């Protein structure tokens, strides 16, 4: 019986299924973040910690001659959500400016809070749609953006 468990002589309904927070896609992304990743000769580095969950992410950034991100690296002591977010930003952030990273962070925060749709973000970020209902996870998802933006701010 799907969605039901037998207990003694009566059937007990299990709770309604919710969208899976830690989906296979989230876990795959989290597992894909290289451990101990760093950039030799990084232009800037910064670390940020979430007071909500205790996750910590350090970011290294390297810029090209036009001031666009040419490489990003992350070291994460974070939950799967933070690691998955860092993994996506590592892959999608190359070639972006600080302003584009900031705009994406704002759009993602708005989407997570339900103020806007995920269609305002990079399409790949819709993987975090199930996290809308889990506000305690939002800080971890945004943490890689905060670390990159802090590193970029250090460059002036």
Protein backbone atom coordinates (compact mmCIF):
# COMPACT_ATOMS: atom_id res chain seq x y z
CA UNK A 1 0.00 0.00 0.00
CA UNK A 2 1.50 3.25 -1.09
CA UNK A 3 1.36 6.04 1.48
CA UNK A 4 -0.03 3.73 4.17
CA UNK A 5 1.49 1.50 6.79
CA UNK A 6 -0.17 -1.42 8.48
CA UNK A 7 -0.09 -1.31 12.25
CA UNK A 8 -1.65 -4.26 14.04
CA UNK A 9 -5.12 -4.53 12.54
CA UNK A 10 -5.55 -0.97 11.26
CA UNK A 11 -4.07 1.10 8.45
CA UNK A 12 -2.31 4.34 9.37
CA UNK A 13 -1.88 7.03 6.75
CA UNK A 14 1.57 8.54 6.37
CA UNK A 15 1.91 12.31 5.94
CA UNK A 16 1.31 13.80 2.51
CA UNK A 17 4.47 13.85 0.44
CA UNK A 18 6.19 17.25 0.25
CA UNK A 19 8.60 18.24 -2.47
CA UNK A 20 11.86 16.53 -1.62
CA UNK A 21 14.20 19.09 -0.01
CA UNK A 22 17.34 17.00 -0.39
CA UNK A 23 16.62 15.69 -3.86
CA UNK A 24 19.02 13.62 -5.91
CA UNK A 25 19.91 16.76 -7.87
CA UNK A 26 20.82 18.67 -4.68
CA UNK A 27 22.87 15.75 -3.36
CA UNK A 28 24.61 15.30 -6.72
CA UNK A 29 25.54 18.99 -6.84
CA UNK A 30 26.77 18.93 -3.23
CA UNK A 31 28.91 15.87 -3.89
CA UNK A 32 30.34 17.55 -7.00
CA UNK A 33 31.89 20.44 -5.07
CA UNK A 34 35.64 19.74 -4.97
CA UNK A 35 36.95 19.26 -1.44
CA UNK A 36 39.62 21.77 -0.39
CA UNK A 37 39.26 23.75 -3.62
CA UNK A 38 41.34 26.92 -3.87
CA UNK A 39 42.87 29.19 -6.50
CA UNK A 40 46.62 29.64 -6.48
CA UNK A 41 47.25 33.37 -6.82
CA UNK A 42 43.62 34.34 -6.22
CA UNK A 43 42.87 38.03 -6.59
CA UNK A 44 40.76 37.94 -3.43
CA UNK A 45 39.35 35.56 -0.83
CA UNK A 46 36.64 35.87 1.79
CA UNK A 47 34.79 33.65 4.20
CA UNK A 48 31.24 33.92 5.46
CA UNK A 49 29.36 32.03 8.17
CA UNK A 50 25.62 31.66 8.57
CA UNK A 51 24.43 32.45 12.10
CA UNK A 52 21.25 30.49 11.35
CA UNK A 53 22.79 27.07 10.68
CA UNK A 54 26.51 27.47 11.33
CA UNK A 55 27.51 26.72 7.75
CA UNK A 56 30.76 28.35 6.66
CA UNK A 57 31.98 28.93 3.13
CA UNK A 58 35.29 30.41 1.98
CA UNK A 59 35.58 31.69 -1.59
CA UNK A 60 38.58 32.50 -3.78
CA UNK A 61 38.06 34.60 -6.89
CA UNK A 62 40.19 35.44 -9.88
CA UNK A 63 39.27 38.17 -12.35
CA UNK A 64 40.12 38.59 -16.00
CA UNK A 65 41.37 41.83 -17.57
CA UNK A 66 37.77 43.05 -17.99
CA UNK A 67 36.94 42.59 -14.30
CA UNK A 68 34.83 39.49 -14.87
CA UNK A 69 35.17 36.36 -12.77
CA UNK A 70 37.49 33.97 -14.54
CA UNK A 71 37.62 31.38 -11.76
CA UNK A 72 35.91 30.64 -8.44
CA UNK A 73 36.82 28.14 -5.76
CA UNK A 74 35.00 27.23 -2.56
CA UNK A 75 35.84 25.48 0.67
CA UNK A 76 32.66 24.55 2.48
CA UNK A 77 31.80 23.34 5.93
CA UNK A 78 28.14 23.46 5.12
CA UNK A 79 24.99 21.43 4.68
CA UNK A 80 24.10 19.90 1.33
CA UNK A 81 22.14 23.04 0.39
CA UNK A 82 25.16 25.31 0.89
CA UNK A 83 27.45 22.91 -0.93
CA UNK A 84 25.02 22.52 -3.84
CA UNK A 85 24.68 26.30 -4.13
CA UNK A 86 28.47 26.73 -4.10
CA UNK A 87 28.81 24.01 -6.74
CA UNK A 88 26.36 25.79 -9.04
CA UNK A 89 27.92 29.21 -8.47
CA UNK A 90 31.39 27.77 -9.14
CA UNK A 91 30.15 26.49 -12.49
CA UNK A 92 27.86 29.36 -13.53
CA UNK A 93 29.73 32.35 -12.09
CA UNK A 94 32.67 32.32 -14.50
CA UNK A 95 32.42 35.23 -16.92
CA UNK A 96 30.06 37.20 -14.66
CA UNK A 97 30.64 40.64 -13.13
CA UNK A 98 30.16 41.58 -9.49
CA UNK A 99 26.92 43.33 -10.48
CA UNK A 100 25.62 40.16 -12.16
CA UNK A 101 26.46 38.04 -9.11
CA UNK A 102 24.71 40.59 -6.86
CA UNK A 103 21.63 40.65 -9.11
CA UNK A 104 21.49 36.85 -9.11
CA UNK A 105 21.80 36.78 -5.30
CA UNK A 106 18.89 39.25 -4.96
CA UNK A 107 16.75 37.29 -7.44
CA UNK A 108 17.51 34.01 -5.64
CA UNK A 109 16.69 35.51 -2.23
CA UNK A 110 13.41 36.86 -3.62
CA UNK A 111 12.56 33.50 -5.18
CA UNK A 112 13.32 31.61 -1.96
CA UNK A 113 11.17 34.04 0.03
CA UNK A 114 8.31 33.69 -2.45
CA UNK A 115 8.47 37.35 -3.53
CA UNK A 116 9.32 36.36 -7.10
CA UNK A 117 9.61 33.31 -9.28
CA UNK A 118 12.72 31.30 -9.98
CA UNK A 119 12.39 32.44 -13.60
CA UNK A 120 14.26 35.64 -12.58
CA UNK A 121 17.31 33.52 -11.64
CA UNK A 122 19.66 31.35 -13.63
CA UNK A 123 17.47 28.40 -14.72
CA UNK A 124 19.65 25.90 -12.85
CA UNK A 125 18.78 27.59 -9.53
CA UNK A 126 15.22 26.25 -9.72
CA UNK A 127 16.68 23.13 -8.08
CA UNK A 128 16.22 25.07 -4.80
CA UNK A 129 12.47 25.57 -5.28
CA UNK A 130 11.62 22.96 -2.63
CA UNK A 131 13.61 25.04 -0.10
CA UNK A 132 11.03 27.85 -0.23
CA UNK A 133 9.11 26.20 2.58
CA UNK A 134 12.28 25.84 4.69
CA UNK A 135 13.40 29.37 5.56
CA UNK A 136 16.19 28.02 7.80
CA UNK A 137 17.89 26.71 4.63
CA UNK A 138 17.81 30.06 2.78
CA UNK A 139 20.93 31.46 4.49
CA UNK A 140 22.97 28.38 3.54
CA UNK A 141 21.85 28.64 -0.09
CA UNK A 142 22.81 32.33 -0.25
CA UNK A 143 26.10 31.90 1.62
CA UNK A 144 28.33 31.22 -1.44
CA UNK A 145 27.06 34.44 -3.05
CA UNK A 146 27.81 36.38 0.14
CA UNK A 147 31.35 34.98 0.27
CA UNK A 148 32.05 35.82 -3.39
CA UNK A 149 30.58 39.31 -3.04
CA UNK A 150 32.68 39.92 0.08
CA UNK A 151 35.83 38.85 -1.80
CA UNK A 152 34.92 41.13 -4.72
CA UNK A 153 34.25 44.03 -2.34
CA UNK A 154 37.75 43.62 -0.92
CA UNK A 155 39.09 44.39 -4.39
CA UNK A 156 37.37 47.78 -4.32
